[in-house]
Amino acid sequence: MNILGMPSGPCRQPMGKMNQAGLEIVLDNARQVQANNPEIFAPIASFFGVDIDQRLQDASVLEGLAY
């Protein structure tokens, strides 16, 4: 959620941060969804005023999400 620009707060127990490999899997799949079916993320972009393509490519939005 944080990657896409949706406020979600910090990770909470029992869930925690993902490892880097897991985060890359999530990013790869989100990029594929955006490339093939951008209408899926369109409501997020519209409501939160974010550029999904830009956020999926911006490494700075990933800071603190993986260990």
N, C-alpha and C. Protein backbone atom coordinates (compact mmCIF):
# COMPACT_ATOMS: atom_id res chain seq x y z
N MET A 1 0.82 -1.19 0.00
CA MET A 1 0.00 0.00 0.00
C MET A 1 0.87 1.25 0.00
N ASN A 2 1.93 1.23 0.81
CA ASN A 2 2.81 2.40 0.84
C ASN A 2 3.45 2.65 -0.52
N ILE A 3 3.82 1.58 -1.22
CA ILE A 3 4.46 1.72 -2.52
C ILE A 3 3.54 2.44 -3.50
N LEU A 4 2.25 2.15 -3.44
CA LEU A 4 1.29 2.74 -4.37
C LEU A 4 0.83 4.13 -3.96
N GLY A 5 1.28 4.61 -2.79
CA GLY A 5 0.93 5.96 -2.36
C GLY A 5 -0.27 6.03 -1.44
N MET A 6 -0.67 4.90 -0.90
CA MET A 6 -1.80 4.86 0.02
C MET A 6 -1.28 4.86 1.46
N PRO A 7 -1.74 5.77 2.31
CA PRO A 7 -1.26 5.79 3.69
C PRO A 7 -1.71 4.52 4.42
N SER A 8 -0.76 3.83 5.02
CA SER A 8 -1.11 2.60 5.72
C SER A 8 -0.42 2.46 7.07
N GLY A 9 0.46 3.37 7.41
CA GLY A 9 1.13 3.30 8.69
C GLY A 9 2.24 2.27 8.70
N PRO A 10 2.84 2.04 9.87
CA PRO A 10 3.95 1.10 9.97
C PRO A 10 3.47 -0.36 9.94
N CYS A 11 4.41 -1.27 9.76
CA CYS A 11 4.11 -2.70 9.84
C CYS A 11 3.72 -3.04 11.27
N ARG A 12 2.74 -3.92 11.41
CA ARG A 12 2.28 -4.31 12.74
C ARG A 12 2.47 -5.80 12.95
N GLN A 13 2.64 -6.19 14.19
CA GLN A 13 2.78 -7.60 14.54
C GLN A 13 1.48 -8.33 14.26
N PRO A 14 1.45 -9.56 13.86
CA PRO A 14 2.61 -10.44 13.72
C PRO A 14 3.34 -10.27 12.40
N MET A 15 2.81 -9.45 11.52
CA MET A 15 3.49 -9.22 10.24
C MET A 15 4.62 -8.22 10.46
N GLY A 16 5.61 -8.31 9.64
CA GLY A 16 6.73 -7.39 9.73
C GLY A 16 7.17 -6.99 8.33
N LYS A 17 8.36 -6.47 8.26
CA LYS A 17 8.90 -6.08 6.96
C LYS A 17 9.19 -7.32 6.13
N MET A 18 9.14 -7.16 4.84
CA MET A 18 9.46 -8.24 3.92
C MET A 18 10.97 -8.26 3.70
N ASN A 19 11.49 -9.40 3.25
CA ASN A 19 12.88 -9.40 2.84
C ASN A 19 12.95 -8.81 1.43
N GLN A 20 14.14 -8.50 0.97
CA GLN A 20 14.30 -7.82 -0.31
C GLN A 20 13.78 -8.67 -1.47
N ALA A 21 14.00 -9.98 -1.42
CA ALA A 21 13.52 -10.86 -2.50
C ALA A 21 12.00 -10.84 -2.58
N GLY A 22 11.34 -10.88 -1.45
CA GLY A 22 9.88 -10.84 -1.43
C GLY A 22 9.35 -9.52 -1.95
N LEU A 23 10.01 -8.43 -1.58
CA LEU A 23 9.60 -7.11 -2.06
C LEU A 23 9.74 -7.01 -3.58
N GLU A 24 10.81 -7.59 -4.12
CA GLU A 24 11.00 -7.59 -5.58
C GLU A 24 9.90 -8.38 -6.29
N ILE A 25 9.46 -9.48 -5.70
CA ILE A 25 8.36 -10.26 -6.28
C ILE A 25 7.08 -9.42 -6.32
N VAL A 26 6.79 -8.74 -5.22
CA VAL A 26 5.61 -7.88 -5.16
C VAL A 26 5.71 -6.77 -6.21
N LEU A 27 6.87 -6.13 -6.31
CA LEU A 27 7.06 -5.06 -7.28
C LEU A 27 6.93 -5.56 -8.72
N ASP A 28 7.54 -6.69 -9.01
CA ASP A 28 7.46 -7.24 -10.37
C ASP A 28 6.01 -7.51 -10.76
N ASN A 29 5.25 -8.08 -9.83
CA ASN A 29 3.85 -8.38 -10.12
C ASN A 29 3.02 -7.10 -10.24
N ALA A 30 3.28 -6.12 -9.39
CA ALA A 30 2.54 -4.86 -9.48
C ALA A 30 2.86 -4.15 -10.79
N ARG A 31 4.11 -4.20 -11.22
CA ARG A 31 4.48 -3.59 -12.51
C ARG A 31 3.80 -4.30 -13.67
N GLN A 32 3.70 -5.62 -13.58
CA GLN A 32 3.03 -6.38 -14.63
C GLN A 32 1.54 -6.04 -14.69
N VAL A 33 0.91 -5.93 -13.53
CA VAL A 33 -0.50 -5.53 -13.49
C VAL A 33 -0.67 -4.15 -14.09
N GLN A 34 0.19 -3.22 -13.73
CA GLN A 34 0.08 -1.85 -14.25
C GLN A 34 0.29 -1.82 -15.76
N ALA A 35 1.22 -2.64 -16.26
CA ALA A 35 1.48 -2.66 -17.71
C ALA A 35 0.34 -3.30 -18.49
N ASN A 36 -0.23 -4.37 -17.95
CA ASN A 36 -1.24 -5.13 -18.68
C ASN A 36 -2.67 -4.67 -18.42
N ASN A 37 -2.94 -4.19 -17.21
CA ASN A 37 -4.30 -3.80 -16.82
C ASN A 37 -4.27 -2.55 -15.94
N PRO A 38 -3.90 -1.40 -16.48
CA PRO A 38 -3.77 -0.19 -15.66
C PRO A 38 -5.08 0.24 -15.00
N GLU A 39 -6.21 -0.23 -15.51
CA GLU A 39 -7.50 0.12 -14.91
C GLU A 39 -7.65 -0.44 -13.50
N ILE A 40 -6.86 -1.44 -13.15
CA ILE A 40 -6.94 -2.01 -11.80
C ILE A 40 -6.44 -1.01 -10.76
N PHE A 41 -5.33 -0.33 -11.06
CA PHE A 41 -4.77 0.65 -10.12
C PHE A 41 -5.31 2.06 -10.35
N ALA A 42 -6.09 2.27 -11.40
CA ALA A 42 -6.60 3.61 -11.72
C ALA A 42 -7.37 4.26 -10.58
N PRO A 43 -8.23 3.53 -9.85
CA PRO A 43 -8.93 4.18 -8.73
C PRO A 43 -7.98 4.67 -7.63
N ILE A 44 -6.89 3.96 -7.40
CA ILE A 44 -5.90 4.39 -6.40
C ILE A 44 -5.25 5.69 -6.88
N ALA A 45 -4.83 5.71 -8.14
CA ALA A 45 -4.19 6.91 -8.70
C ALA A 45 -5.12 8.11 -8.62
N SER A 46 -6.37 7.90 -8.95
CA SER A 46 -7.34 8.99 -8.95
C SER A 46 -7.63 9.49 -7.54
N PHE A 47 -7.91 8.59 -6.62
CA PHE A 47 -8.30 8.99 -5.27
C PHE A 47 -7.15 9.62 -4.50
N PHE A 48 -5.96 9.01 -4.57
CA PHE A 48 -4.82 9.51 -3.79
C PHE A 48 -3.96 10.50 -4.57
N GLY A 49 -4.28 10.75 -5.84
CA GLY A 49 -3.52 11.72 -6.63
C GLY A 49 -2.08 11.32 -6.85
N VAL A 50 -1.85 10.06 -7.17
CA VAL A 50 -0.48 9.57 -7.37
C VAL A 50 -0.31 9.04 -8.79
N ASP A 51 0.93 9.03 -9.23
CA ASP A 51 1.30 8.45 -10.52
C ASP A 51 1.83 7.04 -10.23
N ILE A 52 1.02 6.03 -10.51
CA ILE A 52 1.38 4.65 -10.19
C ILE A 52 2.65 4.23 -10.91
N ASP A 53 2.78 4.54 -12.21
CA ASP A 53 3.98 4.17 -12.95
C ASP A 53 5.23 4.74 -12.29
N GLN A 54 5.17 6.00 -11.91
CA GLN A 54 6.32 6.65 -11.28
C GLN A 54 6.64 6.00 -9.94
N ARG A 55 5.64 5.71 -9.15
CA ARG A 55 5.88 5.12 -7.83
C ARG A 55 6.46 3.72 -7.93
N LEU A 56 6.05 2.95 -8.93
CA LEU A 56 6.58 1.59 -9.09
C LEU A 56 8.02 1.59 -9.57
N GLN A 57 8.52 2.72 -10.07
CA GLN A 57 9.90 2.82 -10.53
C GLN A 57 10.80 3.59 -9.56
N ASP A 58 10.22 4.28 -8.59
CA ASP A 58 10.96 5.14 -7.67
C ASP A 58 11.46 4.35 -6.47
N ALA A 59 12.77 4.14 -6.41
CA ALA A 59 13.36 3.36 -5.32
C ALA A 59 13.19 4.04 -3.96
N SER A 60 13.01 5.35 -3.92
CA SER A 60 12.90 6.04 -2.63
C SER A 60 11.63 5.66 -1.87
N VAL A 61 10.58 5.20 -2.57
CA VAL A 61 9.35 4.81 -1.87
C VAL A 61 9.50 3.45 -1.19
N LEU A 62 10.60 2.75 -1.48
CA LEU A 62 10.82 1.42 -0.90
C LEU A 62 11.60 1.47 0.41
N GLU A 63 12.14 2.63 0.74
CA GLU A 63 12.96 2.75 1.95
C GLU A 63 12.16 2.35 3.18
N GLY A 64 12.73 1.46 3.96
CA GLY A 64 12.11 1.04 5.20
C GLY A 64 11.07 -0.05 5.06
N LEU A 65 10.83 -0.54 3.84
CA LEU A 65 9.82 -1.57 3.66
C LEU A 65 10.39 -2.99 3.68
N ALA A 66 11.71 -3.11 3.57
CA ALA A 66 12.34 -4.43 3.57
C ALA A 66 13.53 -4.42 4.52
N TYR A 67 13.89 -5.61 4.96
CA TYR A 67 15.07 -5.73 5.81
C TYR A 67 16.19 -6.35 5.05
